[in-house]
Protein backbone atom coordinates (compact mmCIF):
# COMPACT_ATOMS: atom_id res chain seq x y z
CA UNK A 1 85.05 15.26 128.73
CA UNK A 2 81.58 15.45 128.49
CA UNK A 3 79.71 16.18 125.14
CA UNK A 4 78.48 19.53 124.55
CA UNK A 5 74.86 18.93 123.39
CA UNK A 6 74.07 22.25 122.26
CA UNK A 7 77.04 22.19 119.89
CA UNK A 8 76.07 18.88 118.64
CA UNK A 9 72.62 20.13 117.87
CA UNK A 10 73.93 23.20 116.07
CA UNK A 11 76.08 20.78 113.85
CA UNK A 12 72.87 18.91 112.99
CA UNK A 13 71.03 21.98 111.91
CA UNK A 14 74.13 23.21 109.98
CA UNK A 15 74.40 19.98 108.06
CA UNK A 16 70.61 20.13 107.23
CA UNK A 17 71.07 23.65 106.23
CA UNK A 18 73.93 22.84 103.89
CA UNK A 19 71.90 20.03 102.36
CA UNK A 20 69.03 22.51 101.56
CA UNK A 21 71.44 24.93 99.86
CA UNK A 22 73.33 22.23 97.99
CA UNK A 23 69.90 21.07 96.53
CA UNK A 24 69.22 24.67 95.23
CA UNK A 25 72.77 24.60 93.79
CA UNK A 26 72.10 21.32 92.13
CA UNK A 27 69.00 22.81 90.52
CA UNK A 28 70.82 25.75 89.26
CA UNK A 29 73.52 23.57 88.00
CA UNK A 30 71.07 21.47 85.95
CA UNK A 31 69.52 24.54 84.58
CA UNK A 32 72.97 25.57 83.38
CA UNK A 33 73.41 22.12 81.70
CA UNK A 34 69.93 22.51 79.95
CA UNK A 35 71.09 26.09 78.85
CA UNK A 36 74.29 24.52 77.50
CA UNK A 37 72.26 21.87 75.62
CA UNK A 38 70.44 24.60 73.80
CA UNK A 39 73.49 26.49 72.77
CA UNK A 40 74.99 23.36 71.62
CA UNK A 41 71.97 22.47 69.56
CA UNK A 42 71.79 26.02 68.03
CA UNK A 43 75.64 25.74 67.06
CA UNK A 44 75.02 22.50 65.45
CA UNK A 45 72.11 23.97 63.48
CA UNK A 46 74.27 26.77 62.45
CA UNK A 47 76.97 24.49 61.20
CA UNK A 48 74.46 22.43 59.21
CA UNK A 49 73.22 25.63 57.68
CA UNK A 50 76.74 26.69 56.57
CA UNK A 51 77.30 23.25 55.05
CA UNK A 52 74.09 23.60 53.11
CA UNK A 53 75.08 27.19 51.83
CA UNK A 54 78.37 25.70 50.72
CA UNK A 55 76.86 22.89 48.84
CA UNK A 56 74.41 25.32 47.16
CA UNK A 57 77.25 27.65 46.13
CA UNK A 58 79.21 24.88 44.58
CA UNK A 59 76.16 23.67 42.63
CA UNK A 60 75.52 27.16 41.25
CA UNK A 61 79.14 27.67 40.32
CA UNK A 62 78.97 24.67 37.82
CA UNK A 63 81.41 21.87 37.22
CA UNK A 64 84.19 23.91 36.53
CA UNK A 65 84.29 25.70 39.89
CA UNK A 66 86.06 24.17 42.90
CA UNK A 67 85.80 25.41 46.34
CA UNK A 68 88.64 24.74 48.84
CA UNK A 69 87.86 24.89 52.41
CA UNK A 70 90.80 24.91 54.99
CA UNK A 71 90.63 23.52 58.30
CA UNK A 72 92.98 23.71 60.91
CA UNK A 73 92.87 22.15 64.42
CA UNK A 74 93.87 25.36 66.04
CA UNK A 75 90.53 26.82 64.64
CA UNK A 76 88.42 24.19 66.29
CA UNK A 77 86.10 25.83 68.81
CA UNK A 78 86.71 25.23 72.46
CA UNK A 79 83.86 23.33 74.32
CA UNK A 80 80.94 25.70 74.95
CA UNK A 81 81.13 24.72 78.64
CA UNK A 82 84.68 26.42 78.82
CA UNK A 83 84.48 29.19 76.24
CA UNK A 84 84.34 31.90 78.68
CA UNK A 85 80.81 33.08 77.77
CA UNK A 86 78.84 34.29 80.80
CA UNK A 87 76.34 31.80 82.16
CA UNK A 88 73.93 33.13 84.88
CA UNK A 89 72.69 29.72 86.10
CA UNK A 90 76.40 28.39 86.39
CA UNK A 91 77.28 31.58 88.43
CA UNK A 92 74.35 31.11 90.75
CA UNK A 93 75.18 27.32 91.29
CA UNK A 94 78.77 28.45 92.20
CA UNK A 95 77.75 30.87 94.64
CA UNK A 96 75.27 28.53 96.27
CA UNK A 97 77.76 25.92 96.44
CA UNK A 98 80.24 28.30 98.18
CA UNK A 99 77.46 29.00 100.84
CA UNK A 100 76.58 25.31 101.28
CA UNK A 101 80.24 24.61 101.92
CA UNK A 102 80.50 27.30 104.64
CA UNK A 103 77.42 25.77 106.24
CA UNK A 104 78.89 22.31 105.70
CA UNK A 105 82.28 22.99 107.24
CA UNK A 106 80.26 24.78 110.16
CA UNK A 107 78.57 21.54 110.74
CA UNK A 108 81.86 19.64 110.64
CA UNK A 109 83.59 22.05 113.05
CA UNK A 110 80.82 22.26 115.56
CA UNK A 111 80.56 18.36 115.65
CA UNK A 112 84.23 18.29 116.49
CA UNK A 113 83.89 20.96 119.09
CA UNK A 114 81.01 19.24 120.71
CA UNK A 115 83.13 16.20 121.33
CA UNK A 116 86.43 17.94 121.82
CA UNK A 117 88.19 15.91 119.12
CA UNK A 118 88.70 15.49 115.42
CA UNK A 119 85.21 14.96 113.72
CA UNK A 120 85.77 11.80 111.97
CA UNK A 121 85.38 9.06 114.63
CA UNK A 122 82.54 7.04 113.03
CA UNK A 123 81.02 6.54 109.46
CA UNK A 124 78.46 9.34 110.04
CA UNK A 125 81.28 12.02 110.67
CA UNK A 126 83.53 10.40 108.07
CA UNK A 127 80.66 10.83 105.50
CA UNK A 128 79.72 14.50 106.54
CA UNK A 129 83.51 15.44 106.66
CA UNK A 130 84.48 13.77 103.37
CA UNK A 131 81.69 15.09 101.48
CA UNK A 132 82.81 18.75 102.61
CA UNK A 133 86.36 17.85 101.30
CA UNK A 134 84.83 16.58 97.85
CA UNK A 135 83.24 20.08 97.36
CA UNK A 136 86.01 22.05 98.60
CA UNK A 137 88.53 20.09 96.26
CA UNK A 138 85.86 20.85 93.33
CA UNK A 139 85.98 24.52 94.19
CA UNK A 140 89.74 24.57 94.28
CA UNK A 141 90.01 22.81 90.87
CA UNK A 142 87.55 25.29 89.55
CA UNK A 143 89.96 28.14 90.20
CA UNK A 144 92.41 26.61 87.91
CA UNK A 145 90.07 25.53 85.31
CA UNK A 146 86.37 26.21 84.23
CA UNK A 147 84.78 22.85 85.06
CA UNK A 148 81.39 24.34 86.22
CA UNK A 149 79.94 21.67 83.80
CA UNK A 150 81.07 19.06 86.39
CA UNK A 151 78.93 20.85 89.27
CA UNK A 152 75.85 18.59 88.85
CA UNK A 153 78.15 15.45 88.91
CA UNK A 154 79.78 16.44 92.09
CA UNK A 155 76.86 17.77 94.09
CA UNK A 156 74.50 14.87 93.14
CA UNK A 157 76.79 12.18 94.95
CA UNK A 158 77.58 14.63 97.76
CA UNK A 159 73.91 15.12 98.42
CA UNK A 160 73.23 11.25 98.18
CA UNK A 161 76.00 10.63 100.69
CA UNK A 162 74.94 13.33 103.14
CA UNK A 163 71.29 12.04 102.89
CA UNK A 164 72.55 8.28 103.58
CA UNK A 165 74.59 9.71 106.46
CA UNK A 166 71.75 11.61 108.22
CA UNK A 167 69.25 8.81 107.45
CA UNK A 168 71.13 5.72 108.23
CA UNK A 169 74.66 6.33 109.37
CA UNK A 170 73.73 8.98 112.08
CA UNK A 171 75.42 8.39 115.56
CA UNK A 172 75.30 10.72 118.56
CA UNK A 173 78.39 12.79 119.34
CA UNK A 174 80.69 11.12 121.66
CA UNK A 175 84.15 10.82 122.78
CA UNK A 176 86.48 8.48 120.65
CA UNK A 177 87.25 4.78 121.35
CA UNK A 178 90.81 4.31 122.98
CA UNK A 179 92.36 3.01 119.69
CA UNK A 180 91.52 6.25 117.75
CA UNK A 181 93.01 8.66 120.30
CA UNK A 182 96.06 9.49 118.58
CA UNK A 183 97.43 12.35 116.53
CA UNK A 184 97.69 9.88 113.72
CA UNK A 185 93.88 10.06 113.27
CA UNK A 186 94.34 13.61 111.92
CA UNK A 187 97.15 12.83 109.66
CA UNK A 188 96.10 9.64 108.27
CA UNK A 189 92.41 10.38 107.78
CA UNK A 190 92.78 13.97 106.63
CA UNK A 191 95.07 12.79 103.66
CA UNK A 192 92.66 10.07 102.89
CA UNK A 193 89.86 12.75 102.60
CA UNK A 194 91.79 14.72 99.94
CA UNK A 195 92.75 11.60 97.94
CA UNK A 196 89.10 10.27 98.06
CA UNK A 197 87.92 13.58 96.84
CA UNK A 198 90.07 13.51 93.93
CA UNK A 199 89.10 10.09 93.05
CA UNK A 200 85.38 11.04 93.24
CA UNK A 201 86.07 14.13 90.67
CA UNK A 202 87.97 11.51 88.52
CA UNK A 203 85.21 9.20 88.51
CA UNK A 204 82.62 11.62 87.47
CA UNK A 205 84.77 12.84 84.72
CA UNK A 206 85.49 9.14 83.68
CA UNK A 207 81.62 8.44 83.39
CA UNK A 208 81.14 11.57 81.27
CA UNK A 209 84.16 10.49 79.13
CA UNK A 210 82.48 7.19 78.41
CA UNK A 211 79.17 8.82 77.55
CA UNK A 212 80.90 11.41 75.24
CA UNK A 213 83.01 8.61 73.49
CA UNK A 214 79.69 6.74 72.72
CA UNK A 215 78.23 9.82 71.37
CA UNK A 216 81.49 10.54 69.19
CA UNK A 217 81.21 6.95 67.86
CA UNK A 218 77.63 7.49 66.87
CA UNK A 219 78.33 10.72 65.05
CA UNK A 220 81.29 9.10 63.21
CA UNK A 221 79.10 6.25 62.03
CA UNK A 222 76.54 8.84 60.57
CA UNK A 223 73.74 8.54 63.36
CA UNK A 224 72.57 11.19 65.50
CA UNK A 225 72.89 10.86 69.41
CA UNK A 226 69.88 10.74 71.51
CA UNK A 227 69.08 12.41 74.72
CA UNK A 228 71.79 14.43 76.54
CA UNK A 229 72.12 17.50 74.41
CA UNK A 230 74.33 19.37 77.03
CA UNK A 231 77.08 16.54 76.23
CA UNK A 232 77.64 18.48 72.97
CA UNK A 233 78.84 21.57 74.94
CA UNK A 234 81.22 19.65 77.14
CA UNK A 235 85.03 18.78 76.36
CA UNK A 236 85.64 15.92 73.92
CA UNK A 237 86.12 12.32 75.23
CA UNK A 238 90.06 12.55 74.80
CA UNK A 239 89.99 15.82 77.01
CA UNK A 240 87.92 14.36 79.65
CA UNK A 241 90.14 11.46 79.82
CA UNK A 242 93.16 13.61 80.27
CA UNK A 243 91.54 15.51 82.98
CA UNK A 244 90.53 12.29 84.78
CA UNK A 245 94.15 11.02 84.56
CA UNK A 246 95.63 14.30 86.00
CA UNK A 247 93.23 14.04 88.92
CA UNK A 248 94.18 10.34 89.60
CA UNK A 249 97.89 11.15 89.02
CA UNK A 250 97.60 13.72 91.90
CA UNK A 251 95.51 11.50 94.14
CA UNK A 252 97.80 8.44 93.97
CA UNK A 253 100.56 9.52 95.89
CA UNK A 254 98.17 10.89 98.59
CA UNK A 255 96.66 7.44 98.69
CA UNK A 256 99.95 5.86 99.05
CA UNK A 257 100.65 8.24 101.96
CA UNK A 258 97.46 7.09 103.48
CA UNK A 259 98.58 3.54 103.34
CA UNK A 260 101.91 4.01 104.82
CA UNK A 261 100.58 6.37 107.45
CA UNK A 262 97.91 3.47 108.46
CA UNK A 263 100.76 1.01 108.79
CA UNK A 264 102.74 3.22 110.99
CA UNK A 265 99.63 3.91 113.08
CA UNK A 266 98.90 0.35 113.30
CA UNK A 267 102.26 -0.45 114.75
CA UNK A 268 101.69 2.15 117.40
CA UNK A 269 98.17 1.09 118.22
CA UNK A 270 98.32 -2.80 117.80
CA UNK A 271 102.25 -3.49 117.88
CA UNK A 272 102.23 -4.52 114.13
CA UNK A 273 102.61 -2.56 110.85
CA UNK A 274 100.36 -5.04 109.00
CA UNK A 275 97.65 -7.09 110.55
CA UNK A 276 95.84 -8.34 107.42
CA UNK A 277 92.79 -6.38 108.72
CA UNK A 278 89.83 -6.11 106.02
CA UNK A 279 90.33 -2.27 106.13
CA UNK A 280 94.07 -2.61 105.38
CA UNK A 281 93.68 -5.16 102.62
CA UNK A 282 91.11 -3.19 100.73
CA UNK A 283 93.15 0.16 101.13
CA UNK A 284 95.94 -1.68 99.47
CA UNK A 285 93.75 -3.24 96.92
CA UNK A 286 92.67 0.27 95.90
CA UNK A 287 96.28 1.07 95.69
CA UNK A 288 97.23 -1.66 93.32
CA UNK A 289 94.32 -1.17 91.05
CA UNK A 290 95.18 2.67 90.76
CA UNK A 291 98.94 1.92 90.11
CA UNK A 292 97.83 -0.60 87.55
CA UNK A 293 95.86 2.26 85.81
CA UNK A 294 98.62 4.69 85.93
CA UNK A 295 101.11 2.07 84.66
CA UNK A 296 98.99 1.26 81.83
CA UNK A 297 98.08 4.65 80.91
CA UNK A 298 101.64 5.79 81.02
CA UNK A 299 103.63 2.82 79.73
CA UNK A 300 101.13 0.48 78.08
CA UNK A 301 99.42 2.83 75.94
CA UNK A 302 95.92 2.22 77.49
CA UNK A 303 93.59 5.10 76.89
CA UNK A 304 90.18 5.89 76.14
CA UNK A 305 87.62 3.08 77.17
CA UNK A 306 90.10 0.58 78.44
CA UNK A 307 91.59 3.07 80.77
CA UNK A 308 88.23 4.27 81.88
CA UNK A 309 87.11 0.76 82.92
CA UNK A 310 90.37 0.15 85.08
CA UNK A 311 89.77 3.79 86.66
CA UNK A 312 86.16 2.72 87.46
CA UNK A 313 87.37 -0.47 88.94
CA UNK A 314 89.56 1.44 91.35
CA UNK A 315 86.75 3.63 92.31
CA UNK A 316 84.43 0.59 92.90
CA UNK A 317 86.99 -0.73 95.30
CA UNK A 318 86.98 2.50 96.97
CA UNK A 319 83.30 2.43 97.54
CA UNK A 320 83.54 -1.29 98.82
CA UNK A 321 86.22 -0.05 101.16
CA UNK A 322 83.86 2.79 102.43
CA UNK A 323 80.37 1.29 102.37
CA UNK A 324 80.93 -2.46 102.76
CA UNK A 325 84.00 -3.24 104.56
CA UNK A 326 83.39 -0.55 107.23
CA UNK A 327 80.05 -1.99 108.00
CA UNK A 328 80.08 -5.65 107.35
CA UNK A 329 83.62 -6.79 107.87
CA UNK A 330 84.62 -7.01 111.64
CA UNK A 331 88.22 -5.99 112.40
CA UNK A 332 90.38 -3.56 114.17
CA UNK A 333 88.89 -0.94 112.00
CA UNK A 334 85.29 -1.50 113.23
CA UNK A 335 84.50 2.12 114.23
CA UNK A 336 81.29 2.57 111.85
CA UNK A 337 79.23 3.52 114.86
CA UNK A 338 76.14 1.70 113.59
CA UNK A 339 74.68 -1.67 114.21
């Protein structure tokens, strides 16, 4: 079938429109983080004033007076980013993100309709579709937990990936090469999208965990953390690590399915389940690294910084598989559509 150029042009316009709205959403999200930073600073000043008043009261009471202050873990305030207080900028960012996603998905759908196939036959389409799934998964997570503080760290890489896609990876809409003309394209790649999206969210959370852990260590040592006041409003490093672990625990079996489905498709397309193709090898490497992370986290007592480094190693392998293997390593999966 011939390509519908009008739909292909509409797809491009929708993708550019989505990028514009994502940019506005990113700005609103950054404003929300700034506002959280101000609230966190105000809360810390209030705590310091309260401690000062307690010390003054003790001094005024004399040596014969003792003041007992009871603390309880249950009385610890939740993070400002998740305390349920209204945040106008965060609401605007979420609304704009939903609008941008609708435009984004429209661009993906029209791209597929223009070529009468699934819209992930080359690197450009994979990037555009994959980033839409990242945003969709983020919004789905948002329905279960107030993670609007994560918005900036989701939208920034999404915008970066879309910019790379339209500036470097763009390929005209065209029919699929014969090797990709299979229903396994939909099964194998769609599950890979969801798994990769969860890995992206876990990576962003892990980076924040490491930053938060450093700031907590500085406070424990008696020094005041520097820039990044908004971090005071985010969950603790331990809570961030737990969230990252849960995201990876959900994503890992999906990636395992991606690996198995790819092997089945390879047997159908090339007559062998395993061909030692660079893409196959790196998909397996990613599985091994994340399996090691989950095993170490669950049975080896690895948590905190050590677990975070292992998680980031898995994400680094994912990025190599996406941005290096697809482009620079010739093999059966050489469908990047560039060069």
